[in-house]
Amino acid sequence: MAAVSLDDARLGAWLDEELGGSEPVATEALEGGGSCEIFSVRRADEHWVLRRAPYKASSSTAHDVLREHRILDAIKDAKVRIPRPIAACEDPTVAGRPFYLMDFVDGVPIRQELPEAYADSPEDQALALTEHIDALAEIHEVDWRACGLGSLGKSEGYLARQVPRWMAQLDGYRCRALPAVDEIAAWLESNLPQEQPPTLCHGDYKLDNLLFSRTRPARALAVVDWEMAAIGDPLVDLAWTLIFCPEQGNALALGAAGQPGGFLVDTLPTAEELVVRYATATGRDVSRLDWYAVFSPWKLAIVLEGSHAKHLRGESKNPIHQFFGAMTDRLLERAGKLIRGEAR
C-alpha cells in the first residue's frame, strides 16, 4: 500500500510553475475525503485542499478526480455551494497520482456528531437539515448546458440505464453471492417511473458531503465529494440523501437522533417535510419517490460492495471496508422491505 503522504518539494515546484510564487509548502493528510485521499496544503497565506485519486480504484470508472475538477470548474460561477477549484494535475510524478486543488473551506461535515455550536439549539439543528435540502435544490437548478457540461453523459434515458449500469459495475468485482441484488434489479426494471427533466446531479449527496458552519446560525457552506456527479434524474439525489435521514431508529442515519452528539429527537423536520421543502423549491413532481427509495439503497449496496470486494481480495487494509459487507446486506434488506411494503 502506498504511503498516505505527499512530497512537499515536488508539489511546491508544481505550484510555483502553475500558480506562480516560490514560498515553501507544508502539507498534512486529513481525515475524510471518502474513497479519495485529501490533504491540507499551505503556502504563505494561502490554504488549499488537495484531493488525490486512491491507490487502487474499485472500478475503471471510479474516483476520476480530473473529471471531478472539470465539473467544479464548470459550475464555479453558478449559484451553487462548492469549494473554489484552483488547478488539476494528471502527472503522477508530482503527487503519486492525479489530483486537483481547491480552496480550503472551514466547515464541518455531519457524521456521528453535529458541530458543537448546534448541540443545544433545536433551531440550528432544523436549519442544518433545511439548508442541506436548499443546497441540493440549487444544484438541480444549475443550467448545466450553459456551463458546458453537455458532454458529461447522456441525459436521455438516464433511469433506464441505471440498473444495467450498476449491475455491470457489480459484475466487475463481485466476490460473493448476492441474490437480493438481482431480485431488486428485476423489480426496478419492471416498475420504472417516467423520469424527471435532467439536471446536474451530485451522485452522493448526504450530510457528510456538506461542510457546515462551525458557528450559529447553521449554514451549509460547501458541497464536496463530486466524483459520482452526472447529468440525470434529480430525484435520485433526493432519495439518496433520505437514506441517511437522522430520524430515530434509522440505522444508517448521519447525526442520528437521540445518540450522543446527534440531532435532538423531537425537533427535526421529518423526511416527508424535507421532501415537501424540496418539491416547493424546485416545482418537481415527487409522487413516484417510492421507486427512488428502493433504487437508492440498492445502488449504495453495490457501491459499498466495491470497497468490500477490495477487502476480500486483499487489496485494502482499511478496516471499514470489511464492515461495508454487513452494510451491503443491510441496505439490500431495506430495499426488499420497501418493495414488500414492510418499511417506509
Protein backbone atom coordinates (compact mmCIF):
# COMPACT_ATOMS: atom_id res chain seq x y z
CA MET A 1 0.00 0.00 0.00
CA ALA A 2 1.36 3.41 -0.93
CA ALA A 3 2.02 5.85 1.90
CA VAL A 4 -0.67 8.47 2.52
CA SER A 5 1.68 11.43 2.16
CA LEU A 6 2.97 13.98 -0.33
CA ASP A 7 6.41 15.11 -1.43
CA ASP A 8 6.25 18.76 -0.40
CA ALA A 9 9.20 19.76 -2.58
CA ARG A 10 7.72 18.24 -5.74
CA LEU A 11 4.30 19.70 -5.05
CA GLY A 12 5.87 23.07 -4.30
CA ALA A 13 7.70 23.08 -7.62
CA TRP A 14 4.46 22.30 -9.43
CA LEU A 15 2.63 25.08 -7.57
CA ASP A 16 5.41 27.53 -8.43
CA GLU A 17 5.03 26.72 -12.11
CA GLU A 18 1.22 26.51 -12.13
CA LEU A 19 0.30 29.43 -9.88
CA GLY A 20 3.48 31.46 -9.54
CA GLY A 21 5.36 32.26 -6.35
CA SER A 22 8.12 30.34 -4.63
CA GLU A 23 7.17 30.09 -0.96
CA PRO A 24 7.68 26.77 0.85
CA VAL A 25 4.77 24.35 1.02
CA ALA A 26 3.51 22.43 4.06
CA THR A 27 1.11 19.51 3.65
CA GLU A 28 -0.81 17.33 6.07
CA ALA A 29 -3.06 14.32 5.48
CA LEU A 30 -6.68 14.93 6.52
CA GLU A 31 -9.42 12.55 7.57
CA GLY A 32 -12.44 12.17 5.35
CA GLY A 33 -12.41 12.53 1.59
CA GLY A 34 -14.46 9.39 1.02
CA SER A 35 -12.66 6.95 -1.24
CA CYS A 36 -10.08 9.55 -2.30
CA GLU A 37 -7.29 11.00 -0.18
CA ILE A 38 -7.28 14.62 0.94
CA PHE A 39 -4.50 16.84 2.23
CA SER A 40 -4.21 20.30 3.69
CA VAL A 41 -1.81 22.39 1.60
CA ARG A 42 -0.45 25.67 2.99
CA ARG A 43 1.78 28.17 1.24
CA ALA A 44 2.35 31.61 2.75
CA ASP A 45 -1.15 32.98 3.49
CA GLU A 46 -2.90 30.55 1.16
CA HIS A 47 -4.70 27.41 2.32
CA TRP A 48 -5.99 24.76 -0.05
CA VAL A 49 -7.18 21.17 -0.02
CA LEU A 50 -5.62 18.63 -2.39
CA ARG A 51 -7.82 15.71 -3.42
CA ARG A 52 -5.89 12.74 -4.79
CA ALA A 53 -7.09 9.59 -6.50
CA PRO A 54 -6.86 6.46 -4.31
CA TYR A 55 -4.05 3.92 -4.58
CA LYS A 56 -6.42 1.38 -6.13
CA ALA A 57 -9.76 2.29 -7.70
CA SER A 58 -12.68 -0.10 -7.12
CA SER A 59 -13.58 0.09 -10.81
CA SER A 60 -12.30 1.62 -14.03
CA THR A 61 -14.81 4.48 -13.81
CA ALA A 62 -14.49 5.29 -10.10
CA HIS A 63 -12.52 8.08 -8.42
CA ASP A 64 -11.73 10.15 -11.54
CA VAL A 65 -10.51 13.28 -9.81
CA LEU A 66 -9.74 15.09 -13.06
CA ARG A 67 -13.35 14.69 -14.17
CA GLU A 68 -14.44 15.91 -10.75
CA HIS A 69 -12.29 19.01 -11.12
CA ARG A 70 -13.72 19.69 -14.57
CA ILE A 71 -17.24 19.66 -13.13
CA LEU A 72 -16.36 22.02 -10.29
CA ASP A 73 -14.56 24.35 -12.67
CA ALA A 74 -17.60 24.41 -14.96
CA ILE A 75 -20.04 25.39 -12.20
CA LYS A 76 -17.80 27.67 -10.14
CA ASP A 77 -19.73 30.78 -11.22
CA ALA A 78 -23.20 29.23 -10.79
CA LYS A 79 -25.35 29.69 -7.70
CA VAL A 80 -24.10 26.53 -6.03
CA ARG A 81 -22.11 25.95 -2.85
CA ILE A 82 -18.73 24.44 -3.70
CA PRO A 83 -15.07 24.95 -2.76
CA ARG A 84 -13.48 27.09 -5.47
CA PRO A 85 -11.38 24.85 -7.74
CA ILE A 86 -7.80 26.06 -8.28
CA ALA A 87 -5.95 23.65 -10.58
CA ALA A 88 -5.61 19.99 -11.52
CA CYS A 89 -2.67 17.73 -12.38
CA GLU A 90 -2.62 14.40 -14.21
CA ASP A 91 1.17 13.89 -13.93
CA PRO A 92 1.71 11.09 -11.36
CA THR A 93 5.28 12.22 -10.67
CA VAL A 94 4.03 15.32 -8.83
CA ALA A 95 1.93 13.69 -6.10
CA GLY A 96 1.97 9.98 -6.91
CA ARG A 97 -1.42 10.01 -8.60
CA PRO A 98 -3.68 12.55 -10.34
CA PHE A 99 -5.12 15.24 -8.09
CA TYR A 100 -6.79 18.60 -8.00
CA LEU A 101 -6.51 21.59 -5.72
CA MET A 102 -9.39 23.60 -4.26
CA ASP A 103 -9.86 26.33 -1.69
CA PHE A 104 -9.99 25.27 1.95
CA VAL A 105 -13.46 25.73 3.45
CA ASP A 106 -13.53 25.97 7.24
CA GLY A 107 -16.59 23.80 7.78
CA VAL A 108 -17.66 20.57 9.46
CA PRO A 109 -19.41 17.54 7.92
CA ILE A 110 -22.19 15.91 9.91
CA ARG A 111 -21.35 12.27 10.59
CA GLN A 112 -21.89 10.93 14.09
CA GLU A 113 -21.90 14.36 15.73
CA LEU A 114 -23.15 17.81 14.88
CA PRO A 115 -20.99 20.94 15.10
CA GLU A 116 -20.64 21.76 18.78
CA ALA A 117 -22.38 25.12 18.39
CA TYR A 118 -25.61 23.36 17.33
CA ALA A 119 -25.65 20.91 20.25
CA ASP A 120 -28.31 22.66 22.31
CA SER A 121 -30.05 24.59 19.55
CA PRO A 122 -33.15 22.93 18.08
CA GLU A 123 -33.49 25.85 15.67
CA ASP A 124 -30.00 25.40 14.24
CA GLN A 125 -30.39 21.64 14.00
CA ALA A 126 -33.56 22.05 11.98
CA LEU A 127 -31.87 24.77 9.93
CA ALA A 128 -28.95 22.45 9.09
CA LEU A 129 -31.39 19.94 7.57
CA THR A 130 -33.34 22.52 5.60
CA GLU A 131 -30.08 24.14 4.43
CA HIS A 132 -28.92 20.80 3.07
CA ILE A 133 -32.16 20.47 1.09
CA ASP A 134 -31.86 24.04 -0.18
CA ALA A 135 -28.28 23.41 -1.33
CA LEU A 136 -29.47 20.33 -3.22
CA ALA A 137 -32.22 22.32 -4.92
CA GLU A 138 -29.58 24.86 -6.02
CA ILE A 139 -27.50 22.11 -7.65
CA HIS A 140 -30.54 20.90 -9.56
CA GLU A 141 -31.24 24.42 -10.82
CA VAL A 142 -27.79 24.83 -12.43
CA ASP A 143 -28.00 25.44 -16.18
CA TRP A 144 -25.66 22.57 -16.97
CA ARG A 145 -25.82 23.10 -20.72
CA ALA A 146 -24.77 26.74 -20.38
CA CYS A 147 -21.95 25.63 -18.08
CA GLY A 148 -20.56 23.36 -20.78
CA LEU A 149 -21.46 20.05 -19.14
CA GLY A 150 -23.40 18.67 -22.10
CA SER A 151 -20.70 16.04 -22.62
CA LEU A 152 -20.88 14.81 -19.03
CA GLY A 153 -23.17 11.96 -20.02
CA LYS A 154 -26.33 11.07 -21.90
CA SER A 155 -29.22 13.00 -20.41
CA GLU A 156 -31.96 10.97 -22.11
CA GLY A 157 -32.88 7.56 -20.77
CA TYR A 158 -30.94 8.07 -17.55
CA LEU A 159 -33.20 5.93 -15.35
CA ALA A 160 -33.46 3.13 -17.91
CA ARG A 161 -29.66 2.86 -17.94
CA GLN A 162 -29.21 2.73 -14.20
CA VAL A 163 -29.94 -0.92 -13.43
CA PRO A 164 -27.79 -2.33 -16.28
CA ARG A 165 -25.04 0.17 -15.46
CA TRP A 166 -24.81 -0.73 -11.78
CA MET A 167 -25.19 -4.45 -12.40
CA ALA A 168 -22.29 -4.24 -14.85
CA GLN A 169 -20.21 -2.42 -12.26
CA LEU A 170 -21.01 -5.06 -9.65
CA ASP A 171 -20.10 -7.85 -12.07
CA GLY A 172 -16.66 -6.26 -12.38
CA TYR A 173 -15.81 -7.00 -8.75
CA ARG A 174 -18.45 -9.39 -7.35
CA CYS A 175 -16.75 -11.84 -4.99
CA ARG A 176 -19.77 -13.44 -3.27
CA ALA A 177 -23.36 -14.42 -3.88
CA LEU A 178 -25.83 -11.55 -3.53
CA PRO A 179 -29.17 -12.93 -4.78
CA ALA A 180 -31.16 -9.98 -3.43
CA VAL A 181 -29.32 -7.68 -5.83
CA ASP A 182 -30.77 -9.49 -8.83
CA GLU A 183 -34.28 -9.71 -7.36
CA ILE A 184 -34.38 -5.98 -6.62
CA ALA A 185 -32.94 -5.19 -10.05
CA ALA A 186 -35.82 -7.06 -11.68
CA TRP A 187 -38.38 -5.09 -9.65
CA LEU A 188 -36.71 -1.77 -10.50
CA GLU A 189 -36.78 -2.51 -14.22
CA SER A 190 -40.43 -3.62 -14.08
CA ASN A 191 -41.58 -0.51 -12.20
CA LEU A 192 -39.57 2.22 -13.90
CA PRO A 193 -41.22 5.65 -13.48
CA GLN A 194 -41.28 8.42 -16.03
CA GLU A 195 -38.06 10.26 -15.37
CA GLN A 196 -37.74 13.92 -14.48
CA PRO A 197 -36.20 16.51 -16.82
CA PRO A 198 -32.43 16.02 -16.48
CA THR A 199 -30.33 18.14 -14.14
CA LEU A 200 -26.83 18.18 -12.76
CA CYS A 201 -26.83 15.52 -10.02
CA HIS A 202 -24.24 15.18 -7.27
CA GLY A 203 -24.48 11.40 -7.08
CA ASP A 204 -23.53 11.01 -3.40
CA TYR A 205 -25.49 13.78 -1.72
CA LYS A 206 -25.71 13.46 2.07
CA LEU A 207 -24.95 15.33 5.26
CA ASP A 208 -21.32 14.24 5.47
CA ASN A 209 -20.63 15.51 1.95
CA LEU A 210 -21.53 19.03 3.01
CA LEU A 211 -19.43 21.35 5.13
CA PHE A 212 -21.49 23.22 7.72
CA SER A 213 -20.58 26.38 9.59
CA ARG A 214 -18.86 25.88 12.94
CA THR A 215 -20.86 28.71 14.48
CA ARG A 216 -24.50 29.70 14.63
CA PRO A 217 -26.61 30.16 12.62
CA ALA A 218 -26.27 26.80 10.91
CA ARG A 219 -25.27 27.22 7.27
CA ALA A 220 -24.35 24.74 4.55
CA LEU A 221 -21.12 26.27 3.25
CA ALA A 222 -19.99 23.84 0.56
CA VAL A 223 -20.88 20.56 -1.11
CA VAL A 224 -17.86 18.29 -1.58
CA ASP A 225 -17.03 14.83 -2.99
CA TRP A 226 -18.31 15.23 -6.56
CA GLU A 227 -16.74 12.08 -8.02
CA MET A 228 -20.13 10.49 -8.84
CA ALA A 229 -21.71 13.60 -10.38
CA ALA A 230 -23.69 13.15 -13.60
CA ILE A 231 -26.48 14.62 -15.68
CA GLY A 232 -29.54 12.67 -14.68
CA ASP A 233 -32.77 12.44 -12.72
CA PRO A 234 -32.67 14.79 -9.71
CA LEU A 235 -34.94 12.60 -7.58
CA VAL A 236 -32.11 10.09 -7.38
CA ASP A 237 -30.16 12.67 -5.35
CA LEU A 238 -33.16 13.44 -3.15
CA ALA A 239 -33.88 9.80 -2.34
CA TRP A 240 -30.18 9.18 -1.74
CA THR A 241 -29.85 11.77 0.99
CA LEU A 242 -33.04 10.49 2.64
CA ILE A 243 -31.33 7.12 3.20
CA PHE A 244 -29.24 8.91 5.83
CA CYS A 245 -32.05 11.00 7.33
CA PRO A 246 -31.37 11.41 11.07
CA GLU A 247 -34.73 10.10 12.19
CA GLN A 248 -34.68 7.96 15.31
CA GLY A 249 -34.37 4.27 14.50
CA ASN A 250 -32.64 4.73 11.14
CA ALA A 251 -29.54 2.52 11.36
CA LEU A 252 -27.87 4.46 8.54
CA ALA A 253 -28.59 7.91 9.97
CA LEU A 254 -25.95 10.61 9.99
CA GLY A 255 -26.08 12.62 13.21
CA ALA A 256 -28.55 10.00 14.45
CA ALA A 257 -31.35 11.47 16.53
CA GLY A 258 -31.11 10.62 20.19
CA GLN A 259 -27.48 9.47 20.01
CA PRO A 260 -24.63 11.33 21.79
CA GLY A 261 -23.77 14.42 19.78
CA GLY A 262 -26.61 13.76 17.34
CA PHE A 263 -29.78 15.62 16.49
CA LEU A 264 -32.40 16.19 19.18
CA VAL A 265 -35.24 13.70 18.83
CA ASP A 266 -38.35 15.87 18.86
CA THR A 267 -37.22 18.96 16.97
CA LEU A 268 -36.40 17.73 13.48
CA PRO A 269 -38.27 18.21 10.24
CA THR A 270 -39.38 14.76 9.10
CA ALA A 271 -38.28 13.14 5.86
CA GLU A 272 -41.73 13.93 4.47
CA GLU A 273 -41.34 17.61 5.37
CA LEU A 274 -37.92 17.72 3.71
CA VAL A 275 -39.43 16.24 0.55
CA VAL A 276 -42.15 18.91 0.58
CA ARG A 277 -39.50 21.62 1.00
CA TYR A 278 -37.58 20.27 -1.99
CA ALA A 279 -40.73 20.00 -4.12
CA THR A 280 -41.73 23.55 -3.23
CA ALA A 281 -38.27 24.92 -4.05
CA THR A 282 -37.98 23.13 -7.40
CA GLY A 283 -41.57 22.60 -8.55
CA ARG A 284 -40.81 18.95 -9.28
CA ASP A 285 -43.29 16.08 -9.08
CA VAL A 286 -42.26 13.73 -6.26
CA SER A 287 -45.27 11.38 -6.44
CA ARG A 288 -43.14 8.41 -7.57
CA LEU A 289 -40.45 8.82 -4.95
CA ASP A 290 -41.22 5.26 -3.82
CA TRP A 291 -39.24 3.84 -6.78
CA TYR A 292 -36.26 6.05 -5.99
CA ALA A 293 -36.46 5.00 -2.34
CA VAL A 294 -35.84 1.39 -3.44
CA PHE A 295 -33.23 2.24 -6.07
CA SER A 296 -31.06 4.32 -3.75
CA PRO A 297 -30.20 1.71 -1.06
CA TRP A 298 -29.78 -0.91 -3.82
CA LYS A 299 -27.28 1.35 -5.60
CA LEU A 300 -25.47 2.21 -2.36
CA ALA A 301 -25.15 -1.50 -1.60
CA ILE A 302 -23.40 -2.01 -4.95
CA VAL A 303 -21.10 0.98 -4.33
CA LEU A 304 -20.08 -0.30 -0.89
CA GLU A 305 -19.60 -3.82 -2.20
CA GLY A 306 -16.86 -2.43 -4.45
CA SER A 307 -14.78 -1.49 -1.41
CA HIS A 308 -15.76 -4.69 0.39
CA ALA A 309 -14.56 -6.69 -2.61
CA LYS A 310 -11.18 -4.94 -2.36
CA HIS A 311 -11.00 -6.17 1.24
CA LEU A 312 -11.94 -9.72 0.22
CA ARG A 313 -9.23 -9.71 -2.46
CA GLY A 314 -6.62 -8.42 -0.02
CA GLU A 315 -6.27 -5.10 -1.86
CA SER A 316 -7.40 -2.94 1.07
CA LYS A 317 -6.28 -2.87 4.69
CA ASN A 318 -8.88 -0.30 5.65
CA PRO A 319 -10.99 -1.95 8.40
CA ILE A 320 -14.12 -0.08 7.36
CA HIS A 321 -14.06 -1.90 4.01
CA GLN A 322 -14.63 -5.17 5.87
CA PHE A 323 -17.58 -3.57 7.68
CA PHE A 324 -19.04 -2.49 4.33
CA GLY A 325 -20.01 -6.11 3.67
CA ALA A 326 -22.54 -6.03 6.51
CA MET A 327 -23.74 -2.62 5.35
CA THR A 328 -24.33 -4.01 1.86
CA ASP A 329 -26.51 -6.78 3.28
CA ARG A 330 -28.46 -4.33 5.44
CA LEU A 331 -29.14 -2.00 2.53
CA LEU A 332 -30.40 -4.80 0.32
CA GLU A 333 -32.67 -5.93 3.15
CA ARG A 334 -34.04 -2.39 3.43
CA ALA A 335 -34.75 -2.17 -0.30
CA GLY A 336 -36.52 -5.53 -0.19
CA LYS A 337 -38.72 -4.42 2.70
CA LEU A 338 -39.71 -1.28 0.82
CA ILE A 339 -40.78 -3.37 -2.16
CA ARG A 340 -42.87 -5.62 0.10
CA GLY A 341 -44.40 -2.66 1.93
CA GLU A 342 -42.74 -3.62 5.22
CA ALA A 343 -40.95 -0.28 5.62
CA ARG A 344 -41.40 3.33 4.58
